[in-house]
């Protein structure tokens, strides 16, 4: 059911970046300070669109919210979209004829408001503009654990025509990005052990090779992180909610995998 990572191909993330291994015990130790500062009243992930939404984008945003609610077992709410003119009039660094924007600039409180008292985090989403970060010429997204904010772009996942031609592929790319990047805000680092949603990716082709599920180690880490805010987190409910989402979204491969995971193993003894 879970596949160990083999040797990376030339150009893959692990061929380019050295990642430190992290055990479950090391992860739990890392989040102790985070847990001490926790507030169980924080139970909402807030989605912040960074541009106006037409019907297609609104539908996708609603689907992303449903998935995020199941994946992170949290309430999810959407803010009113920020008009893109506000970003264009701001001091956010940009390049390539205003088609690519700096993640750190977008994460400023001037653009994406800080999390409120009930908020776990705030996620800014873009559909039509690209992102870069530091020396990286592009990124799909960036999350900050300290700010409890992230910003993500779907523009490299295909044109509107391609999204209509192969909607399942486009949707899976968007879902994978949201879960991966929000996972970073919950302190999950890149996985180097299994084929896993938390694997790093250097390209869209590499990202497409990643599954829409966590490996058993990253799943245990996510459970530990979420129980800080939701002591009643229950792994079987987590998979049951994901199964319901995948079935409604028509993602049959994910339905079959989640059914096996839900019914084929002891969810409390990983």
Protein backbone atom coordinates (compact mmCIF):
# COMPACT_ATOMS: atom_id res chain seq x y z
CA UNK A 1 0.00 0.00 0.00
CA UNK A 2 2.89 2.35 0.76
CA UNK A 3 5.85 2.51 -1.62
CA UNK A 4 9.36 3.37 -0.46
CA UNK A 5 11.09 6.14 -2.40
CA UNK A 6 13.74 4.92 -4.80
CA UNK A 7 16.79 6.81 -6.03
CA UNK A 8 15.79 10.26 -7.38
CA UNK A 9 15.92 10.97 -11.10
CA UNK A 10 18.17 13.72 -12.41
CA UNK A 11 16.45 17.02 -11.73
CA UNK A 12 14.18 15.65 -8.99
CA UNK A 13 13.88 17.46 -5.67
CA UNK A 14 16.06 15.02 -3.71
CA UNK A 15 18.70 15.12 -6.44
CA UNK A 16 18.93 18.88 -5.91
CA UNK A 17 18.29 19.42 -2.18
CA UNK A 18 19.56 17.59 0.89
CA UNK A 19 16.71 16.95 3.33
CA UNK A 20 17.29 15.93 6.94
CA UNK A 21 15.44 12.83 8.17
CA UNK A 22 12.95 13.30 11.00
CA UNK A 23 11.38 10.59 13.18
CA UNK A 24 7.95 10.83 14.79
CA UNK A 25 9.53 11.38 18.21
CA UNK A 26 11.66 14.21 16.82
CA UNK A 27 8.54 15.77 15.31
CA UNK A 28 6.62 15.55 18.58
CA UNK A 29 9.54 17.18 20.38
CA UNK A 30 9.62 19.94 17.77
CA UNK A 31 5.96 20.85 18.24
CA UNK A 32 6.06 20.92 22.06
CA UNK A 33 6.60 24.69 22.15
CA UNK A 34 3.89 25.07 19.52
CA UNK A 35 1.55 22.98 21.69
CA UNK A 36 2.26 25.05 24.81
CA UNK A 37 1.21 28.20 22.96
CA UNK A 38 -1.84 26.56 21.44
CA UNK A 39 -5.37 27.76 21.85
CA UNK A 40 -8.08 25.16 21.42
CA UNK A 41 -10.45 27.94 20.34
CA UNK A 42 -8.47 28.08 17.10
CA UNK A 43 -10.37 25.77 14.83
CA UNK A 44 -10.74 27.57 11.49
CA UNK A 45 -8.65 27.53 8.32
CA UNK A 46 -9.39 30.72 6.40
CA UNK A 47 -9.14 30.86 2.60
CA UNK A 48 -8.26 34.28 1.16
CA UNK A 49 -8.73 34.63 -2.63
CA UNK A 50 -6.29 37.21 -4.01
CA UNK A 51 -8.34 38.03 -7.09
CA UNK A 52 -11.96 38.19 -8.19
CA UNK A 53 -13.70 34.84 -8.70
CA UNK A 54 -15.79 33.97 -11.72
CA UNK A 55 -18.14 30.97 -11.62
CA UNK A 56 -15.44 28.40 -12.43
CA UNK A 57 -13.00 29.79 -9.84
CA UNK A 58 -15.75 30.03 -7.22
CA UNK A 59 -16.62 26.38 -7.80
CA UNK A 60 -12.98 25.36 -7.48
CA UNK A 61 -12.60 27.42 -4.29
CA UNK A 62 -15.63 25.64 -2.80
CA UNK A 63 -14.13 22.26 -3.71
CA UNK A 64 -10.79 23.22 -2.16
CA UNK A 65 -12.58 24.25 1.02
CA UNK A 66 -14.41 20.91 1.25
CA UNK A 67 -11.17 19.00 0.74
CA UNK A 68 -9.27 21.12 3.25
CA UNK A 69 -12.01 20.59 5.83
CA UNK A 70 -11.72 16.81 5.44
CA UNK A 71 -7.93 16.65 5.20
CA UNK A 72 -7.26 18.84 8.24
CA UNK A 73 -10.45 18.02 10.19
CA UNK A 74 -11.08 21.73 10.77
CA UNK A 75 -13.66 24.35 9.98
CA UNK A 76 -12.92 26.18 6.73
CA UNK A 77 -14.22 29.63 5.81
CA UNK A 78 -13.60 31.92 2.85
CA UNK A 79 -12.92 35.65 3.06
CA UNK A 80 -14.23 38.04 0.45
CA UNK A 81 -11.78 38.21 -2.47
CA UNK A 82 -9.14 40.93 -2.42
CA UNK A 83 -9.30 42.94 -5.61
CA UNK A 84 -6.10 42.34 -7.57
CA UNK A 85 -5.77 46.09 -8.13
CA UNK A 86 -4.85 46.35 -4.45
CA UNK A 87 -1.88 44.06 -5.02
CA UNK A 88 -0.90 45.93 -8.18
CA UNK A 89 -0.97 49.22 -6.24
CA UNK A 90 1.07 47.79 -3.36
CA UNK A 91 4.83 47.54 -2.89
CA UNK A 92 4.88 43.75 -3.35
CA UNK A 93 7.98 42.90 -5.44
CA UNK A 94 7.18 41.52 -8.89
CA UNK A 95 8.86 40.67 -12.16
CA UNK A 96 8.16 39.42 -15.68
CA UNK A 97 5.74 42.19 -16.65
CA UNK A 98 3.70 41.84 -13.46
CA UNK A 99 2.98 38.16 -14.12
CA UNK A 100 5.04 36.86 -11.17
CA UNK A 101 4.87 38.03 -7.56
CA UNK A 102 7.13 37.61 -4.53
CA UNK A 103 5.69 35.27 -1.88
CA UNK A 104 7.09 37.19 1.07
CA UNK A 105 5.47 40.39 -0.19
CA UNK A 106 2.09 38.69 -0.58
CA UNK A 107 2.38 37.23 2.93
CA UNK A 108 2.62 40.72 4.43
CA UNK A 109 -0.28 41.83 6.60
CA UNK A 110 -0.89 44.57 4.04
CA UNK A 111 -2.12 41.95 1.58
CA UNK A 112 -3.16 38.83 3.53
CA UNK A 113 -4.64 39.72 6.91
CA UNK A 114 -3.16 37.92 9.93
CA UNK A 115 -5.08 35.02 11.46
CA UNK A 116 -7.87 36.04 13.82
CA UNK A 117 -8.41 34.65 17.34
CA UNK A 118 -10.33 31.62 16.02
CA UNK A 119 -8.07 30.98 13.05
CA UNK A 120 -5.55 28.18 12.72
CA UNK A 121 -4.11 29.79 9.60
CA UNK A 122 -4.90 31.89 6.53
CA UNK A 123 -4.21 30.62 3.00
CA UNK A 124 -4.04 33.06 0.09
CA UNK A 125 -4.86 31.59 -3.33
CA UNK A 126 -4.14 32.88 -6.84
CA UNK A 127 -5.46 31.47 -10.10
CA UNK A 128 -3.88 33.65 -12.77
CA UNK A 129 -0.51 34.88 -11.43
CA UNK A 130 2.77 33.06 -10.82
CA UNK A 131 4.95 33.11 -7.67
CA UNK A 132 8.66 33.23 -6.90
CA UNK A 133 10.53 33.06 -3.59
CA UNK A 134 14.09 34.10 -2.80
CA UNK A 135 16.47 32.65 -5.38
CA UNK A 136 13.91 30.14 -6.68
CA UNK A 137 12.70 31.29 -10.09
CA UNK A 138 9.22 29.94 -9.35
CA UNK A 139 7.33 28.15 -6.58
CA UNK A 140 3.87 26.63 -6.43
CA UNK A 141 3.44 28.09 -2.96
CA UNK A 142 5.02 28.99 0.37
CA UNK A 143 3.77 28.60 3.94
CA UNK A 144 5.01 30.24 7.13
CA UNK A 145 4.49 28.39 10.44
CA UNK A 146 5.44 31.48 12.46
CA UNK A 147 2.94 33.73 10.64
CA UNK A 148 0.39 30.91 10.25
CA UNK A 149 -0.12 32.06 6.67
CA UNK A 150 0.56 30.73 3.20
CA UNK A 151 0.13 31.76 -0.42
CA UNK A 152 -0.41 29.39 -3.36
CA UNK A 153 -0.82 29.69 -7.12
CA UNK A 154 -2.57 27.29 -9.50
CA UNK A 155 -1.48 29.07 -12.68
CA UNK A 156 1.10 26.41 -13.68
CA UNK A 157 -1.48 23.63 -13.45
CA UNK A 158 -2.95 24.36 -16.86
CA UNK A 159 -5.00 26.87 -18.81
CA UNK A 160 -8.75 27.17 -18.40
CA UNK A 161 -9.09 25.13 -21.60
CA UNK A 162 -6.82 22.40 -20.22
CA UNK A 163 -8.77 22.41 -16.95
CA UNK A 164 -11.96 21.75 -18.93
CA UNK A 165 -10.28 19.07 -21.08
CA UNK A 166 -8.79 17.11 -18.15
CA UNK A 167 -10.63 18.33 -15.04
CA UNK A 168 -9.54 15.44 -12.80
CA UNK A 169 -5.84 16.08 -13.39
CA UNK A 170 -6.25 19.81 -12.80
CA UNK A 171 -8.25 19.23 -9.62
CA UNK A 172 -5.75 16.71 -8.23
CA UNK A 173 -2.93 19.19 -8.80
CA UNK A 174 -4.81 21.88 -6.88
CA UNK A 175 -5.72 19.54 -4.02
CA UNK A 176 -2.18 18.21 -3.76
CA UNK A 177 -0.75 21.71 -3.56
CA UNK A 178 -3.16 22.84 -0.83
CA UNK A 179 -2.62 19.79 1.37
CA UNK A 180 1.17 19.82 0.89
CA UNK A 181 1.67 23.52 1.63
CA UNK A 182 -0.79 23.67 4.52
CA UNK A 183 1.00 20.61 5.88
CA UNK A 184 4.15 22.73 6.10
CA UNK A 185 2.30 25.28 8.23
CA UNK A 186 1.42 22.40 10.54
CA UNK A 187 5.20 21.75 10.78
CA UNK A 188 5.43 18.75 8.42
CA UNK A 189 8.70 18.81 6.50
CA UNK A 190 9.37 17.09 3.18
CA UNK A 191 9.09 13.31 3.33
CA UNK A 192 12.16 11.36 2.22
CA UNK A 193 10.95 7.85 3.09
CA UNK A 194 7.88 6.93 0.99
CA UNK A 195 5.95 8.12 -2.04
CA UNK A 196 3.96 10.70 -0.13
CA UNK A 197 2.00 13.90 -0.55
CA UNK A 198 4.76 15.61 1.46
CA UNK A 199 7.53 14.72 -1.02
CA UNK A 200 9.31 17.78 -2.41
CA UNK A 201 8.88 18.55 -6.11
CA UNK A 202 11.11 20.46 -8.51
CA UNK A 203 8.66 20.45 -11.40
CA UNK A 204 5.04 19.84 -12.32
CA UNK A 205 6.00 16.48 -13.81
CA UNK A 206 7.55 15.40 -10.51
CA UNK A 207 4.59 16.72 -8.54
CA UNK A 208 2.22 14.66 -10.71
CA UNK A 209 4.08 11.52 -9.58
CA UNK A 210 3.17 12.24 -5.95
CA UNK A 211 0.06 10.64 -4.43
CA UNK A 212 -2.83 12.49 -2.83
CA UNK A 213 -2.26 10.71 0.49
CA UNK A 214 0.27 10.81 3.28
CA UNK A 215 2.64 7.99 4.11
CA UNK A 216 2.13 6.32 7.53
CA UNK A 217 4.87 8.41 9.16
CA UNK A 218 3.58 11.77 7.89
CA UNK A 219 0.04 10.72 8.75
CA UNK A 220 1.14 10.11 12.35
CA UNK A 221 2.85 13.51 12.37
CA UNK A 222 -0.26 15.27 11.07
CA UNK A 223 -2.36 13.49 13.69
CA UNK A 224 0.02 14.70 16.44
CA UNK A 225 -0.12 18.27 15.13
CA UNK A 226 -3.90 18.39 14.72
CA UNK A 227 -4.54 16.91 18.17
CA UNK A 228 -3.03 20.09 19.62
CA UNK A 229 -6.25 21.85 18.54
CA UNK A 230 -8.59 18.92 18.15
CA UNK A 231 -8.00 16.35 20.93
CA UNK A 232 -10.90 14.33 19.51
CA UNK A 233 -9.12 13.76 16.17
CA UNK A 234 -9.90 10.21 15.05
CA UNK A 235 -8.03 8.61 12.17
CA UNK A 236 -10.95 6.54 10.93
CA UNK A 237 -13.13 9.64 10.67
CA UNK A 238 -10.29 11.41 8.84
CA UNK A 239 -10.21 8.70 6.17
CA UNK A 240 -13.99 8.35 6.07
CA UNK A 241 -14.35 12.09 5.40
CA UNK A 242 -11.68 11.95 2.68
CA UNK A 243 -13.43 8.94 1.12
CA UNK A 244 -16.69 10.87 1.00
CA UNK A 245 -14.95 13.85 -0.60
CA UNK A 246 -13.13 11.78 -3.24
CA UNK A 247 -16.35 9.95 -4.16
CA UNK A 248 -18.24 13.24 -4.59
CA UNK A 249 -15.36 14.69 -6.64
CA UNK A 250 -15.29 11.61 -8.90
CA UNK A 251 -11.63 10.77 -8.15
CA UNK A 252 -11.93 7.00 -8.45
CA UNK A 253 -8.26 6.15 -7.91
CA UNK A 254 -8.31 8.03 -4.59
CA UNK A 255 -11.64 6.40 -3.66
CA UNK A 256 -10.18 2.92 -4.12
CA UNK A 257 -6.97 3.69 -2.22
CA UNK A 258 -8.83 5.32 0.69
CA UNK A 259 -11.27 2.41 0.91
CA UNK A 260 -8.33 0.01 1.28
CA UNK A 261 -6.71 2.26 3.86
CA UNK A 262 -9.92 2.65 5.82
CA UNK A 263 -11.00 -0.99 5.83
CA UNK A 264 -7.80 -2.93 5.32
CA UNK A 265 -5.69 -1.99 8.33
CA UNK A 266 -5.86 -1.17 12.03
CA UNK A 267 -6.01 2.62 11.98
CA UNK A 268 -4.78 2.88 15.57
CA UNK A 269 -1.64 0.81 15.20
CA UNK A 270 0.54 2.30 12.51
